[in-house]
Each structure stands twice: as C-alpha cells, then as structure tokens.
N, C-alpha and C. Protein backbone atom coordinates (compact mmCIF):
# COMPACT_ATOMS: atom_id res chain seq x y z
N MET A 1 -39.06 -47.80 40.65
CA MET A 1 -38.76 -46.59 39.96
C MET A 1 -38.19 -46.96 38.58
N LYS A 2 -38.55 -46.21 37.58
CA LYS A 2 -38.10 -46.48 36.21
C LYS A 2 -36.84 -45.67 35.88
N ILE A 3 -36.19 -46.06 34.80
CA ILE A 3 -34.98 -45.41 34.32
C ILE A 3 -35.36 -44.29 33.35
N ARG A 4 -34.79 -43.12 33.59
CA ARG A 4 -34.98 -42.00 32.66
C ARG A 4 -33.90 -42.03 31.59
N SER A 5 -32.66 -42.32 32.01
CA SER A 5 -31.53 -42.33 31.07
C SER A 5 -30.46 -43.29 31.58
N HIS A 6 -29.88 -44.02 30.64
CA HIS A 6 -28.78 -44.94 30.97
C HIS A 6 -27.84 -45.02 29.77
N SER A 7 -27.50 -43.82 29.25
CA SER A 7 -26.68 -43.78 28.04
C SER A 7 -25.22 -44.09 28.31
N ASP A 8 -24.72 -43.75 29.51
CA ASP A 8 -23.36 -44.13 29.91
C ASP A 8 -23.48 -45.42 30.70
N SER A 9 -22.59 -46.36 30.45
CA SER A 9 -22.71 -47.65 31.12
C SER A 9 -22.51 -47.54 32.62
N HIS A 10 -21.85 -46.49 33.08
CA HIS A 10 -21.55 -46.37 34.51
C HIS A 10 -22.43 -45.37 35.26
N VAL A 11 -23.39 -44.74 34.59
CA VAL A 11 -24.29 -43.78 35.24
C VAL A 11 -25.72 -44.07 34.81
N VAL A 12 -26.62 -44.04 35.79
CA VAL A 12 -28.04 -44.21 35.49
C VAL A 12 -28.80 -43.05 36.11
N GLU A 13 -29.75 -42.50 35.35
CA GLU A 13 -30.63 -41.46 35.86
C GLU A 13 -32.01 -42.06 36.04
N LEU A 14 -32.58 -41.88 37.22
CA LEU A 14 -33.90 -42.43 37.50
C LEU A 14 -34.99 -41.40 37.22
N GLU A 15 -36.22 -41.86 37.18
CA GLU A 15 -37.34 -41.00 36.82
C GLU A 15 -37.53 -39.83 37.78
N ASP A 16 -36.99 -39.93 39.01
CA ASP A 16 -37.09 -38.81 39.95
C ASP A 16 -36.00 -37.77 39.73
N GLY A 17 -35.13 -37.99 38.72
CA GLY A 17 -34.06 -37.05 38.40
C GLY A 17 -32.74 -37.34 39.10
N SER A 18 -32.72 -38.29 40.02
CA SER A 18 -31.47 -38.62 40.70
C SER A 18 -30.55 -39.38 39.75
N ARG A 19 -29.24 -39.14 39.90
CA ARG A 19 -28.24 -39.79 39.05
C ARG A 19 -27.30 -40.58 39.93
N TRP A 20 -26.98 -41.80 39.50
CA TRP A 20 -26.19 -42.74 40.30
C TRP A 20 -25.07 -43.33 39.48
N GLN A 21 -23.87 -43.38 40.09
CA GLN A 21 -22.72 -44.05 39.48
C GLN A 21 -22.77 -45.52 39.87
N ILE A 22 -22.56 -46.36 38.91
CA ILE A 22 -22.62 -47.80 39.12
C ILE A 22 -21.22 -48.32 39.45
N PHE A 23 -21.14 -49.20 40.45
CA PHE A 23 -19.88 -49.78 40.85
C PHE A 23 -19.26 -50.50 39.65
N PRO A 24 -17.96 -50.27 39.38
CA PRO A 24 -17.34 -50.87 38.19
C PRO A 24 -17.52 -52.39 38.08
N GLY A 25 -17.53 -53.09 39.17
CA GLY A 25 -17.70 -54.54 39.13
C GLY A 25 -19.13 -55.00 38.90
N ASP A 26 -20.08 -54.05 38.90
CA ASP A 26 -21.49 -54.40 38.71
C ASP A 26 -22.06 -53.95 37.37
N VAL A 27 -21.25 -53.28 36.55
CA VAL A 27 -21.74 -52.76 35.27
C VAL A 27 -22.34 -53.86 34.41
N ASP A 28 -21.78 -55.06 34.44
CA ASP A 28 -22.30 -56.15 33.61
C ASP A 28 -23.76 -56.48 33.93
N ILE A 29 -24.16 -56.32 35.18
CA ILE A 29 -25.56 -56.59 35.57
C ILE A 29 -26.50 -55.60 34.91
N THR A 30 -26.05 -54.36 34.72
CA THR A 30 -26.92 -53.31 34.20
C THR A 30 -27.11 -53.37 32.69
N LEU A 31 -26.36 -54.22 32.01
CA LEU A 31 -26.46 -54.30 30.54
C LEU A 31 -27.84 -54.76 30.09
N ASP A 32 -28.58 -55.45 30.95
CA ASP A 32 -29.93 -55.91 30.62
C ASP A 32 -31.01 -54.89 30.96
N TRP A 33 -30.63 -53.79 31.61
CA TRP A 33 -31.62 -52.80 32.02
C TRP A 33 -32.20 -52.08 30.81
N LEU A 34 -33.51 -51.92 30.81
CA LEU A 34 -34.24 -51.19 29.78
C LEU A 34 -35.00 -50.05 30.46
N PRO A 35 -35.50 -49.06 29.71
CA PRO A 35 -36.25 -47.96 30.34
C PRO A 35 -37.42 -48.44 31.20
N GLU A 36 -38.01 -49.57 30.85
CA GLU A 36 -39.14 -50.07 31.63
C GLU A 36 -38.73 -50.94 32.82
N THR A 37 -37.42 -51.16 32.99
CA THR A 37 -36.94 -51.94 34.13
C THR A 37 -37.32 -51.24 35.42
N ASP A 38 -37.92 -51.98 36.34
CA ASP A 38 -38.33 -51.42 37.62
C ASP A 38 -37.18 -51.61 38.62
N LEU A 39 -36.69 -50.50 39.17
CA LEU A 39 -35.59 -50.52 40.12
C LEU A 39 -36.05 -50.04 41.48
N THR A 40 -35.48 -50.60 42.52
CA THR A 40 -35.73 -50.14 43.89
C THR A 40 -34.41 -49.64 44.45
N LEU A 41 -34.42 -48.41 44.96
CA LEU A 41 -33.23 -47.82 45.57
C LEU A 41 -33.27 -48.11 47.06
N VAL A 42 -32.20 -48.72 47.56
CA VAL A 42 -32.13 -49.13 48.96
C VAL A 42 -30.86 -48.54 49.58
N LEU A 43 -30.99 -47.97 50.77
CA LEU A 43 -29.85 -47.45 51.50
C LEU A 43 -28.96 -48.60 51.93
N ALA A 44 -27.65 -48.51 51.62
CA ALA A 44 -26.73 -49.59 51.95
C ALA A 44 -25.82 -49.20 53.11
N GLY A 45 -25.19 -48.03 52.99
CA GLY A 45 -24.36 -47.53 54.06
C GLY A 45 -23.17 -48.40 54.40
N ASP A 46 -22.59 -49.08 53.42
CA ASP A 46 -21.37 -49.83 53.72
C ASP A 46 -20.15 -49.00 53.35
N GLU A 47 -18.98 -49.57 53.44
CA GLU A 47 -17.75 -48.81 53.22
C GLU A 47 -17.49 -48.47 51.76
N VAL A 48 -18.15 -49.15 50.84
CA VAL A 48 -17.91 -48.89 49.42
C VAL A 48 -19.03 -48.07 48.80
N CYS A 49 -20.27 -48.39 49.09
CA CYS A 49 -21.38 -47.70 48.44
C CYS A 49 -22.39 -47.20 49.46
N SER A 50 -23.12 -46.17 49.07
CA SER A 50 -24.14 -45.62 49.96
C SER A 50 -25.50 -46.28 49.74
N HIS A 51 -25.73 -46.77 48.51
CA HIS A 51 -27.03 -47.34 48.14
C HIS A 51 -26.82 -48.54 47.21
N VAL A 52 -27.89 -49.29 47.02
CA VAL A 52 -27.93 -50.30 45.98
C VAL A 52 -29.22 -50.12 45.19
N LEU A 53 -29.14 -50.40 43.90
CA LEU A 53 -30.32 -50.46 43.06
C LEU A 53 -30.61 -51.94 42.84
N VAL A 54 -31.86 -52.33 43.06
CA VAL A 54 -32.22 -53.73 42.96
C VAL A 54 -33.26 -53.91 41.85
N SER A 55 -32.99 -54.86 40.98
CA SER A 55 -33.92 -55.26 39.94
C SER A 55 -33.91 -56.78 39.87
N ASP A 56 -35.06 -57.39 39.96
CA ASP A 56 -35.16 -58.85 39.91
C ASP A 56 -34.27 -59.52 40.95
N GLY A 57 -34.12 -58.89 42.10
CA GLY A 57 -33.34 -59.47 43.19
C GLY A 57 -31.84 -59.36 43.02
N ARG A 58 -31.40 -58.69 41.98
CA ARG A 58 -29.96 -58.54 41.71
C ARG A 58 -29.52 -57.14 42.12
N PRO A 59 -28.76 -57.01 43.22
CA PRO A 59 -28.34 -55.68 43.68
C PRO A 59 -27.15 -55.15 42.88
N VAL A 60 -27.18 -53.86 42.63
CA VAL A 60 -26.10 -53.15 41.97
C VAL A 60 -25.67 -52.03 42.91
N ARG A 61 -24.40 -52.02 43.27
CA ARG A 61 -23.89 -51.00 44.18
C ARG A 61 -23.77 -49.66 43.45
N VAL A 62 -24.21 -48.58 44.11
CA VAL A 62 -24.17 -47.26 43.50
C VAL A 62 -23.81 -46.20 44.54
N ILE A 63 -23.30 -45.08 44.03
CA ILE A 63 -23.13 -43.85 44.80
C ILE A 63 -23.70 -42.72 43.96
N ARG A 64 -24.00 -41.60 44.60
CA ARG A 64 -24.54 -40.46 43.85
C ARG A 64 -23.54 -40.00 42.80
N ASP A 65 -24.05 -39.64 41.64
CA ASP A 65 -23.20 -39.15 40.57
C ASP A 65 -22.46 -37.91 41.06
N GLY A 66 -21.16 -37.88 40.81
CA GLY A 66 -20.33 -36.77 41.26
C GLY A 66 -19.51 -37.10 42.49
N GLU A 67 -19.91 -38.15 43.23
CA GLU A 67 -19.12 -38.59 44.37
C GLU A 67 -17.99 -39.48 43.86
N ARG A 68 -17.03 -39.74 44.74
CA ARG A 68 -15.88 -40.57 44.36
C ARG A 68 -15.93 -41.90 45.09
N TRP A 69 -15.60 -42.96 44.37
CA TRP A 69 -15.50 -44.28 44.98
C TRP A 69 -14.28 -44.31 45.90
N PRO A 70 -14.35 -45.01 47.03
CA PRO A 70 -13.17 -45.16 47.89
C PRO A 70 -12.14 -46.05 47.17
N GLU A 71 -11.08 -45.43 46.69
CA GLU A 71 -10.14 -46.08 45.78
C GLU A 71 -9.55 -47.39 46.31
N THR A 72 -9.08 -47.38 47.53
CA THR A 72 -8.44 -48.57 48.09
C THR A 72 -9.40 -49.74 48.17
N GLU A 73 -10.63 -49.50 48.67
CA GLU A 73 -11.62 -50.56 48.81
C GLU A 73 -12.05 -51.10 47.45
N VAL A 74 -12.24 -50.20 46.48
CA VAL A 74 -12.66 -50.63 45.15
C VAL A 74 -11.59 -51.50 44.51
N LYS A 75 -10.34 -51.07 44.57
CA LYS A 75 -9.26 -51.87 43.99
C LYS A 75 -9.19 -53.24 44.64
N SER A 76 -9.33 -53.27 45.93
CA SER A 76 -9.29 -54.54 46.66
C SER A 76 -10.43 -55.47 46.22
N MET A 77 -11.65 -54.91 46.09
CA MET A 77 -12.80 -55.71 45.69
C MET A 77 -12.67 -56.22 44.27
N LEU A 78 -12.17 -55.37 43.37
CA LEU A 78 -12.05 -55.77 41.97
C LEU A 78 -10.96 -56.82 41.78
N LYS A 79 -9.89 -56.75 42.56
CA LYS A 79 -8.85 -57.76 42.49
C LYS A 79 -9.35 -59.11 42.99
N GLY A 80 -10.24 -59.05 43.99
CA GLY A 80 -10.77 -60.28 44.58
C GLY A 80 -11.82 -60.96 43.74
N GLY A 81 -12.27 -60.29 42.67
CA GLY A 81 -13.26 -60.91 41.79
C GLY A 81 -14.58 -60.46 42.15
C-alpha cells in the first residue's frame, strides 16, 4: 500500500484513507518514507500497538489515528531504548 500523506512525522495516511499514529520510538525509521514507499499493514495485537507497518523488512509500530498509546508501557519502552 502506498502513502497518501505523511506531513506530520507521527501520522501517516495510506492510500486507502486509513490514518495511523507512529510509535514515538519508531519515528526515525519513517524519515526515509516517500509517497512511493510500499507499506504492508500487519495486525500485531500486542500490549502497545494494534498493527505494524512494514517497509523493507523494517516494522514500525502503529495505532489508529485518534487512539491513545498506553502511557505506562510506552514510557517503559522508551526508557529502555
């Protein structure tokens, strides 16, 4: 699936119109994304994210735009590197 919009570093809109918030610790991976970047959306279902977007084998954790990240888990993960 291609990118429709990625003007905010933490939100990506895909060509199907879905919008996804990018996990704060994964934003650096998305800096190389271009409109022609091919992404695959995969159901993750873990405690932090519902899905991952994969490009070139590099997963990026995401949740639907408008949802909230689980604060305690995110802080713990970001502190751990």
